[in-house]
Amino acid sequence: MTQNISDTFASQLQQMRTDLIAQIRAQRGGKVGRADAAPDRHEEQSGDWAQVDAERDLAMALDERETAELNAIDAALKRIASGDYGLCLDCGVSIPTARLHANPTAMRCVACQGRAEQAGGGATHPTM
C-alpha cells in the first residue's frame, strides 16, 4: 500500500476516533468512562427497578461496543504505523481497497473473515 493511501486511511481512522470519543462524551454529559458517569446516572434513576436494570444493561452493551470500536481503530492505526495495514492478519493477502474504504478497521480478507466467523472466533463489526 502506498504512503499516500496509508495517510488517507490514517486520517479517516483518526477522524472516526475523534467522532466516537465526542459521541461518548455527549452521551455521558462530558464524561468518557462509565465509572465517571455512574454517580450522575444513579441520581437520575427512578424507582422502577426493571427499567433501571434495562437501562443499565443497554448502557453496558453500548460501552462494550464503543470500547471494541475504539480498540479496532487503535489497532488499525498501529498497523498503519508498522506498515502492516491492508494485509490480512491470517493469510497475508492484500485486503482490497474497496473493503478498507467500507470498513477501515478490517483485519482480514473476506475469505479469512468468513472462516473466522464460522470457527466461532469471528470478530464483531469493528474488526471485520
Protein backbone atom coordinates (compact mmCIF):
# COMPACT_ATOMS: atom_id res chain seq x y z
CA MET A 1 0.00 0.00 0.00
CA THR A 2 1.39 3.39 -0.95
CA GLN A 3 2.18 6.02 1.65
CA ASN A 4 -0.46 8.32 0.18
CA ILE A 5 -3.19 5.69 0.58
CA SER A 6 -1.99 4.84 4.10
CA ASP A 7 -2.13 8.52 5.02
CA THR A 8 -5.69 8.73 3.70
CA PHE A 9 -6.79 5.79 5.84
CA ALA A 10 -4.89 7.14 8.85
CA SER A 11 -6.75 10.44 8.52
CA GLN A 12 -10.06 8.63 8.18
CA LEU A 13 -9.34 6.47 11.23
CA GLN A 14 -8.24 9.47 13.31
CA GLN A 15 -11.48 11.24 12.40
CA MET A 16 -13.51 8.15 13.30
CA ARG A 17 -11.74 8.04 16.67
CA THR A 18 -12.34 11.74 17.33
CA ASP A 19 -16.02 11.43 16.37
CA LEU A 20 -16.54 8.36 18.54
CA ILE A 21 -14.95 9.99 21.59
CA ALA A 22 -17.09 13.11 21.05
CA GLN A 23 -20.19 10.92 20.79
CA ILE A 24 -19.29 9.10 24.01
CA ARG A 25 -18.72 12.38 25.83
CA ALA A 26 -22.02 13.80 24.57
CA GLN A 27 -23.91 10.71 25.71
CA ARG A 28 -22.33 10.85 29.14
CA GLY A 29 -22.54 14.55 29.83
CA GLY A 30 -18.89 15.23 29.04
CA LYS A 31 -17.57 12.15 30.84
CA VAL A 32 -15.81 9.41 28.92
CA GLY A 33 -15.78 6.49 31.34
CA ARG A 34 -18.81 4.55 32.55
CA ALA A 35 -17.47 4.84 36.10
CA ASP A 36 -17.29 8.64 35.73
CA ALA A 37 -20.90 8.80 34.53
CA ALA A 38 -22.34 6.28 37.01
CA PRO A 39 -22.92 8.59 40.03
CA ASP A 40 -24.89 11.08 37.91
CA ARG A 41 -26.86 8.29 36.26
CA HIS A 42 -27.72 6.79 39.64
CA GLU A 43 -29.17 10.10 40.82
CA GLU A 44 -31.39 10.33 37.70
CA GLN A 45 -32.87 6.83 38.05
CA SER A 46 -36.47 6.38 39.05
CA GLY A 47 -37.88 3.76 41.41
CA ASP A 48 -38.81 1.40 38.53
CA TRP A 49 -36.10 -1.24 39.03
CA ALA A 50 -36.96 -3.15 35.85
CA GLN A 51 -36.44 0.00 33.80
CA VAL A 52 -33.27 0.81 35.72
CA ASP A 53 -31.91 -2.69 35.02
CA ALA A 54 -32.80 -2.45 31.32
CA GLU A 55 -31.15 0.97 31.04
CA ARG A 56 -28.05 -0.31 32.83
CA ASP A 57 -27.82 -3.35 30.55
CA LEU A 58 -28.19 -1.15 27.46
CA ALA A 59 -25.55 1.26 28.73
CA MET A 60 -23.13 -1.61 29.39
CA ALA A 61 -23.73 -3.08 25.92
CA LEU A 62 -23.13 0.31 24.31
CA ASP A 63 -19.99 0.78 26.38
CA GLU A 64 -18.65 -2.62 25.30
CA ARG A 65 -19.37 -1.82 21.64
CA GLU A 66 -17.76 1.61 21.89
CA THR A 67 -14.71 0.12 23.60
CA ALA A 68 -14.41 -2.56 20.90
CA GLU A 69 -14.73 0.09 18.20
CA LEU A 70 -12.03 2.27 19.79
CA ASN A 71 -9.76 -0.76 20.15
CA ALA A 72 -10.30 -1.67 16.49
CA ILE A 73 -9.48 1.87 15.38
CA ASP A 74 -6.34 1.95 17.55
CA ALA A 75 -5.26 -1.46 16.22
CA ALA A 76 -5.70 -0.25 12.63
CA LEU A 77 -3.63 2.86 13.36
CA LYS A 78 -0.89 0.65 14.81
CA ARG A 79 -0.95 -1.50 11.66
CA ILE A 80 -0.54 1.65 9.57
CA ALA A 81 2.42 2.72 11.71
CA SER A 82 4.05 -0.71 11.39
CA GLY A 83 3.37 -0.99 7.65
CA ASP A 84 1.03 -3.99 8.03
CA TYR A 85 -2.19 -2.12 7.30
CA GLY A 86 -4.19 -3.61 4.45
CA LEU A 87 -2.69 -7.08 4.85
CA CYS A 88 -4.84 -9.95 6.11
CA LEU A 89 -3.69 -10.99 9.58
CA ASP A 90 -4.41 -14.65 8.79
CA CYS A 91 -3.13 -15.23 5.24
CA GLY A 92 -1.10 -12.09 4.46
CA VAL A 93 -3.00 -11.30 1.25
CA SER A 94 -3.73 -7.65 0.50
CA ILE A 95 -7.19 -6.62 1.62
CA PRO A 96 -8.95 -4.92 -1.31
CA THR A 97 -9.04 -1.14 -1.01
CA ALA A 98 -12.81 -1.18 -1.54
CA ARG A 99 -13.14 -3.34 1.61
CA LEU A 100 -10.93 -0.96 3.57
CA HIS A 101 -12.99 2.02 2.40
CA ALA A 102 -16.14 0.24 3.57
CA ASN A 103 -14.52 -0.85 6.84
CA PRO A 104 -11.19 0.87 7.58
CA THR A 105 -10.62 -1.32 10.64
CA ALA A 106 -10.78 -4.59 8.64
CA MET A 107 -8.09 -7.02 9.77
CA ARG A 108 -8.84 -9.88 7.39
CA CYS A 109 -9.68 -10.54 3.78
CA VAL A 110 -13.27 -11.63 3.15
CA ALA A 111 -12.37 -15.34 2.91
CA CYS A 112 -10.43 -15.41 6.19
CA GLN A 113 -13.09 -13.32 7.96
CA GLY A 114 -15.70 -15.84 6.87
CA ARG A 115 -13.60 -18.73 8.19
CA ALA A 116 -13.01 -16.91 11.48
CA GLU A 117 -16.73 -16.31 11.93
CA GLN A 118 -17.58 -19.94 11.11
CA ALA A 119 -14.99 -21.15 13.62
CA GLY A 120 -16.63 -19.10 16.34
CA GLY A 121 -13.64 -16.81 16.64
CA GLY A 122 -15.36 -14.26 14.47
CA ALA A 123 -14.98 -10.63 15.19
CA THR A 124 -17.70 -8.10 15.63
CA HIS A 125 -18.35 -5.35 13.11
CA PRO A 126 -15.46 -3.04 14.07
CA THR A 127 -12.78 -5.63 13.28
CA MET A 128 -14.26 -7.34 10.26
